[in-house]
Amino acid sequence: MTDFVIPWTHGGGLGYALLTNSSAPLEVNLMVSHSWAENAEDFLETVLRSTSDDDVMFICALSLYQAADDDGPTIAAQLGTTSTESPFRRVLE
């Protein structure tokens, strides 16, 4: 995260997923959950093995803005204060 996602998105105010697809955002059809303690390479290899090229995934580490700077929303603001505001719930709906 600190070596790639944050430097790539710093100052842009958008998560990596939206930053790379900002010209034509797609609707998510798959939510992928992960553990912060897991190995990122193993996680990504599992995602690649388990999905198709047509899947549009919400992976919070790539979808939420992680840079924690003044150019974008904080993690807390993105998560909301109630479950109905949560991006996870909105994706599942």
N, C-alpha and C. Protein backbone atom coordinates (compact mmCIF):
# COMPACT_ATOMS: atom_id res chain seq x y z
N MET A 1 0.83 -1.18 0.00
CA MET A 1 0.00 0.00 0.00
C MET A 1 0.88 1.25 0.00
N THR A 2 1.77 1.35 0.96
CA THR A 2 2.59 2.55 1.07
C THR A 2 3.61 2.68 -0.05
N ASP A 3 3.96 1.57 -0.68
CA ASP A 3 4.94 1.62 -1.77
C ASP A 3 4.31 1.91 -3.13
N PHE A 4 3.04 1.60 -3.29
CA PHE A 4 2.43 1.73 -4.61
C PHE A 4 1.16 2.59 -4.61
N VAL A 5 0.11 2.11 -3.97
CA VAL A 5 -1.20 2.77 -4.06
C VAL A 5 -1.15 4.21 -3.57
N ILE A 6 -0.57 4.44 -2.41
CA ILE A 6 -0.54 5.81 -1.87
C ILE A 6 0.29 6.74 -2.75
N PRO A 7 1.51 6.38 -3.16
CA PRO A 7 2.25 7.30 -4.04
C PRO A 7 1.54 7.54 -5.38
N TRP A 8 0.90 6.52 -5.93
CA TRP A 8 0.22 6.68 -7.22
C TRP A 8 -0.99 7.60 -7.12
N THR A 9 -1.66 7.63 -5.94
CA THR A 9 -2.90 8.39 -5.81
C THR A 9 -2.73 9.69 -5.02
N HIS A 10 -1.61 9.86 -4.36
CA HIS A 10 -1.38 11.05 -3.52
C HIS A 10 -1.66 12.34 -4.30
N GLY A 11 -2.45 13.20 -3.70
CA GLY A 11 -2.75 14.49 -4.31
C GLY A 11 -3.89 14.47 -5.31
N GLY A 12 -4.44 13.29 -5.59
CA GLY A 12 -5.50 13.20 -6.59
C GLY A 12 -6.90 13.15 -6.03
N GLY A 13 -7.02 12.77 -4.77
CA GLY A 13 -8.33 12.71 -4.14
C GLY A 13 -9.20 11.54 -4.53
N LEU A 14 -8.67 10.63 -5.36
CA LEU A 14 -9.43 9.46 -5.80
C LEU A 14 -8.68 8.18 -5.44
N GLY A 15 -9.43 7.14 -5.14
CA GLY A 15 -8.82 5.84 -4.94
C GLY A 15 -8.23 5.34 -6.25
N TYR A 16 -7.35 4.36 -6.16
CA TYR A 16 -6.66 3.84 -7.34
C TYR A 16 -7.65 3.33 -8.40
N ALA A 17 -8.67 2.62 -7.97
CA ALA A 17 -9.62 2.04 -8.93
C ALA A 17 -10.30 3.12 -9.77
N LEU A 18 -10.79 4.16 -9.11
CA LEU A 18 -11.46 5.22 -9.86
C LEU A 18 -10.47 6.06 -10.65
N LEU A 19 -9.29 6.26 -10.10
CA LEU A 19 -8.26 7.01 -10.81
C LEU A 19 -7.93 6.35 -12.15
N THR A 20 -7.83 5.03 -12.16
CA THR A 20 -7.47 4.33 -13.39
C THR A 20 -8.65 4.16 -14.35
N ASN A 21 -9.86 4.38 -13.85
CA ASN A 21 -11.05 4.23 -14.68
C ASN A 21 -11.92 5.48 -14.70
N SER A 22 -11.33 6.63 -14.41
CA SER A 22 -12.12 7.85 -14.27
C SER A 22 -12.80 8.30 -15.56
N SER A 23 -12.26 7.95 -16.70
CA SER A 23 -12.89 8.38 -17.96
C SER A 23 -14.15 7.59 -18.28
N ALA A 24 -14.25 6.38 -17.75
CA ALA A 24 -15.43 5.55 -18.00
C ALA A 24 -15.64 4.59 -16.84
N PRO A 25 -16.06 5.10 -15.67
CA PRO A 25 -16.26 4.23 -14.50
C PRO A 25 -17.30 3.15 -14.79
N LEU A 26 -17.06 1.99 -14.23
CA LEU A 26 -17.96 0.86 -14.41
C LEU A 26 -18.70 0.55 -13.12
N GLU A 27 -19.84 -0.10 -13.22
CA GLU A 27 -20.60 -0.49 -12.04
C GLU A 27 -20.02 -1.79 -11.49
N VAL A 28 -19.83 -1.82 -10.20
CA VAL A 28 -19.26 -2.98 -9.52
C VAL A 28 -20.24 -4.14 -9.56
N ASN A 29 -19.71 -5.34 -9.84
CA ASN A 29 -20.55 -6.54 -9.77
C ASN A 29 -20.01 -7.56 -8.78
N LEU A 30 -18.90 -7.22 -8.11
CA LEU A 30 -18.28 -8.17 -7.19
C LEU A 30 -17.55 -7.42 -6.09
N MET A 31 -17.86 -7.78 -4.84
CA MET A 31 -17.14 -7.18 -3.72
C MET A 31 -16.16 -8.22 -3.20
N VAL A 32 -14.91 -7.80 -3.05
CA VAL A 32 -13.87 -8.69 -2.58
C VAL A 32 -13.37 -8.17 -1.24
N SER A 33 -13.40 -9.01 -0.23
CA SER A 33 -12.95 -8.63 1.09
C SER A 33 -11.55 -9.20 1.33
N HIS A 34 -10.82 -8.54 2.20
CA HIS A 34 -9.46 -8.99 2.49
C HIS A 34 -9.12 -8.67 3.93
N SER A 35 -8.02 -9.19 4.37
CA SER A 35 -7.50 -8.92 5.72
C SER A 35 -6.26 -8.07 5.58
N TRP A 36 -6.12 -7.05 6.41
CA TRP A 36 -4.94 -6.19 6.35
C TRP A 36 -3.67 -6.97 6.66
N ALA A 37 -3.79 -8.07 7.38
CA ALA A 37 -2.60 -8.83 7.79
C ALA A 37 -2.15 -9.85 6.73
N GLU A 38 -2.93 -10.05 5.68
CA GLU A 38 -2.56 -11.07 4.70
C GLU A 38 -1.49 -10.56 3.73
N ASN A 39 -0.86 -11.49 3.08
CA ASN A 39 0.16 -11.18 2.08
C ASN A 39 -0.52 -10.63 0.83
N ALA A 40 -0.14 -9.44 0.41
CA ALA A 40 -0.80 -8.77 -0.73
C ALA A 40 -0.62 -9.56 -2.02
N GLU A 41 0.56 -10.12 -2.25
CA GLU A 41 0.77 -10.88 -3.49
C GLU A 41 -0.12 -12.12 -3.53
N ASP A 42 -0.23 -12.83 -2.40
CA ASP A 42 -1.10 -14.01 -2.34
C ASP A 42 -2.55 -13.60 -2.59
N PHE A 43 -2.95 -12.49 -1.98
CA PHE A 43 -4.32 -12.00 -2.16
C PHE A 43 -4.61 -11.71 -3.63
N LEU A 44 -3.73 -10.95 -4.27
CA LEU A 44 -3.95 -10.59 -5.67
C LEU A 44 -3.92 -11.81 -6.59
N GLU A 45 -3.04 -12.77 -6.31
CA GLU A 45 -3.02 -14.00 -7.11
C GLU A 45 -4.33 -14.76 -6.96
N THR A 46 -4.88 -14.79 -5.76
CA THR A 46 -6.16 -15.47 -5.53
C THR A 46 -7.29 -14.75 -6.26
N VAL A 47 -7.28 -13.43 -6.23
CA VAL A 47 -8.30 -12.65 -6.95
C VAL A 47 -8.22 -12.95 -8.44
N LEU A 48 -7.03 -12.95 -8.99
CA LEU A 48 -6.86 -13.22 -10.42
C LEU A 48 -7.33 -14.62 -10.80
N ARG A 49 -7.06 -15.61 -9.95
CA ARG A 49 -7.49 -16.98 -10.22
C ARG A 49 -9.00 -17.15 -10.10
N SER A 50 -9.64 -16.31 -9.29
CA SER A 50 -11.04 -16.51 -8.91
C SER A 50 -12.02 -15.62 -9.66
N THR A 51 -11.54 -14.77 -10.53
CA THR A 51 -12.42 -13.83 -11.22
C THR A 51 -12.18 -13.88 -12.72
N SER A 52 -13.08 -13.25 -13.44
CA SER A 52 -12.93 -13.19 -14.90
C SER A 52 -12.59 -11.76 -15.32
N ASP A 53 -12.22 -11.60 -16.56
CA ASP A 53 -11.90 -10.27 -17.09
C ASP A 53 -13.11 -9.35 -17.11
N ASP A 54 -14.31 -9.92 -17.05
CA ASP A 54 -15.54 -9.12 -17.08
C ASP A 54 -15.95 -8.62 -15.70
N ASP A 55 -15.34 -9.13 -14.64
CA ASP A 55 -15.70 -8.71 -13.30
C ASP A 55 -15.20 -7.30 -13.01
N VAL A 56 -16.06 -6.52 -12.36
CA VAL A 56 -15.71 -5.18 -11.90
C VAL A 56 -15.78 -5.25 -10.38
N MET A 57 -14.62 -5.20 -9.76
CA MET A 57 -14.53 -5.48 -8.33
C MET A 57 -14.38 -4.24 -7.47
N PHE A 58 -14.95 -4.32 -6.28
CA PHE A 58 -14.70 -3.34 -5.22
C PHE A 58 -13.77 -4.02 -4.24
N ILE A 59 -12.55 -3.55 -4.17
CA ILE A 59 -11.58 -3.98 -3.18
C ILE A 59 -11.21 -2.72 -2.41
N CYS A 60 -11.55 -2.67 -1.12
CA CYS A 60 -11.45 -1.39 -0.41
C CYS A 60 -10.07 -0.77 -0.49
N ALA A 61 -9.01 -1.55 -0.41
CA ALA A 61 -7.66 -0.99 -0.46
C ALA A 61 -7.39 -0.26 -1.78
N LEU A 62 -8.06 -0.69 -2.84
CA LEU A 62 -7.87 -0.06 -4.14
C LEU A 62 -8.98 0.93 -4.48
N SER A 63 -10.12 0.81 -3.82
CA SER A 63 -11.26 1.66 -4.14
C SER A 63 -11.35 2.92 -3.29
N LEU A 64 -10.95 2.82 -2.03
CA LEU A 64 -11.00 3.99 -1.15
C LEU A 64 -9.73 4.81 -1.30
N TYR A 65 -9.85 6.11 -1.08
CA TYR A 65 -8.68 6.98 -1.14
C TYR A 65 -7.85 6.77 0.11
N GLN A 66 -6.61 6.34 -0.04
CA GLN A 66 -5.76 5.93 1.07
C GLN A 66 -4.67 6.92 1.45
N ALA A 67 -4.49 8.00 0.70
CA ALA A 67 -3.32 8.86 0.86
C ALA A 67 -3.31 9.69 2.14
N ALA A 68 -4.45 9.88 2.77
CA ALA A 68 -4.52 10.64 4.02
C ALA A 68 -3.87 12.02 3.90
N ASP A 69 -4.19 12.72 2.84
CA ASP A 69 -3.69 14.08 2.64
C ASP A 69 -4.89 15.03 2.56
N ASP A 70 -4.64 16.28 2.33
CA ASP A 70 -5.73 17.26 2.25
C ASP A 70 -6.40 17.32 0.89
N ASP A 71 -6.00 16.46 -0.03
CA ASP A 71 -6.55 16.48 -1.39
C ASP A 71 -7.72 15.54 -1.60
N GLY A 72 -8.03 14.75 -0.60
CA GLY A 72 -9.13 13.81 -0.74
C GLY A 72 -9.77 13.52 0.60
N PRO A 73 -10.83 12.74 0.58
CA PRO A 73 -11.53 12.42 1.82
C PRO A 73 -10.70 11.50 2.72
N THR A 74 -10.94 11.61 4.01
CA THR A 74 -10.29 10.70 4.95
C THR A 74 -10.94 9.32 4.85
N ILE A 75 -10.28 8.32 5.39
CA ILE A 75 -10.88 6.98 5.43
C ILE A 75 -12.19 7.05 6.22
N ALA A 76 -12.16 7.74 7.36
CA ALA A 76 -13.36 7.85 8.20
C ALA A 76 -14.52 8.48 7.43
N ALA A 77 -14.24 9.53 6.68
CA ALA A 77 -15.30 10.19 5.90
C ALA A 77 -15.84 9.25 4.83
N GLN A 78 -14.98 8.45 4.24
CA GLN A 78 -15.42 7.51 3.21
C GLN A 78 -16.25 6.37 3.79
N LEU A 79 -15.95 5.98 5.03
CA LEU A 79 -16.68 4.88 5.66
C LEU A 79 -18.03 5.33 6.19
N GLY A 80 -18.17 6.63 6.48
CA GLY A 80 -19.43 7.16 6.99
C GLY A 80 -19.60 6.90 8.47
N THR A 81 -20.66 7.41 9.02
CA THR A 81 -20.90 7.26 10.46
C THR A 81 -21.98 6.23 10.76
N THR A 82 -22.70 5.79 9.75
CA THR A 82 -23.72 4.76 9.93
C THR A 82 -23.49 3.66 8.90
N SER A 83 -24.07 2.51 9.16
CA SER A 83 -23.89 1.40 8.22
C SER A 83 -24.48 1.69 6.85
N THR A 84 -25.51 2.52 6.79
CA THR A 84 -26.11 2.84 5.49
C THR A 84 -25.21 3.72 4.64
N GLU A 85 -24.27 4.43 5.26
CA GLU A 85 -23.33 5.27 4.52
C GLU A 85 -22.10 4.49 4.08
N SER A 86 -21.91 3.32 4.62
CA SER A 86 -20.71 2.53 4.35
C SER A 86 -20.60 2.15 2.88
N PRO A 87 -19.41 2.31 2.29
CA PRO A 87 -19.25 1.88 0.89
C PRO A 87 -19.46 0.39 0.71
N PHE A 88 -19.18 -0.39 1.74
CA PHE A 88 -19.37 -1.84 1.65
C PHE A 88 -20.85 -2.16 1.50
N ARG A 89 -21.68 -1.52 2.28
CA ARG A 89 -23.12 -1.74 2.16
C ARG A 89 -23.65 -1.25 0.82
N ARG A 90 -23.19 -0.08 0.39
CA ARG A 90 -23.66 0.46 -0.89
C ARG A 90 -23.29 -0.46 -2.04
N VAL A 91 -22.10 -1.06 -1.98
CA VAL A 91 -21.68 -1.99 -3.03
C VAL A 91 -22.55 -3.24 -3.00
N LEU A 92 -22.83 -3.75 -1.81
CA LEU A 92 -23.65 -4.96 -1.70
C LEU A 92 -25.09 -4.73 -2.16
N GLU A 93 -25.57 -3.51 -1.96
CA GLU A 93 -26.94 -3.22 -2.42
C GLU A 93 -26.97 -3.15 -3.93
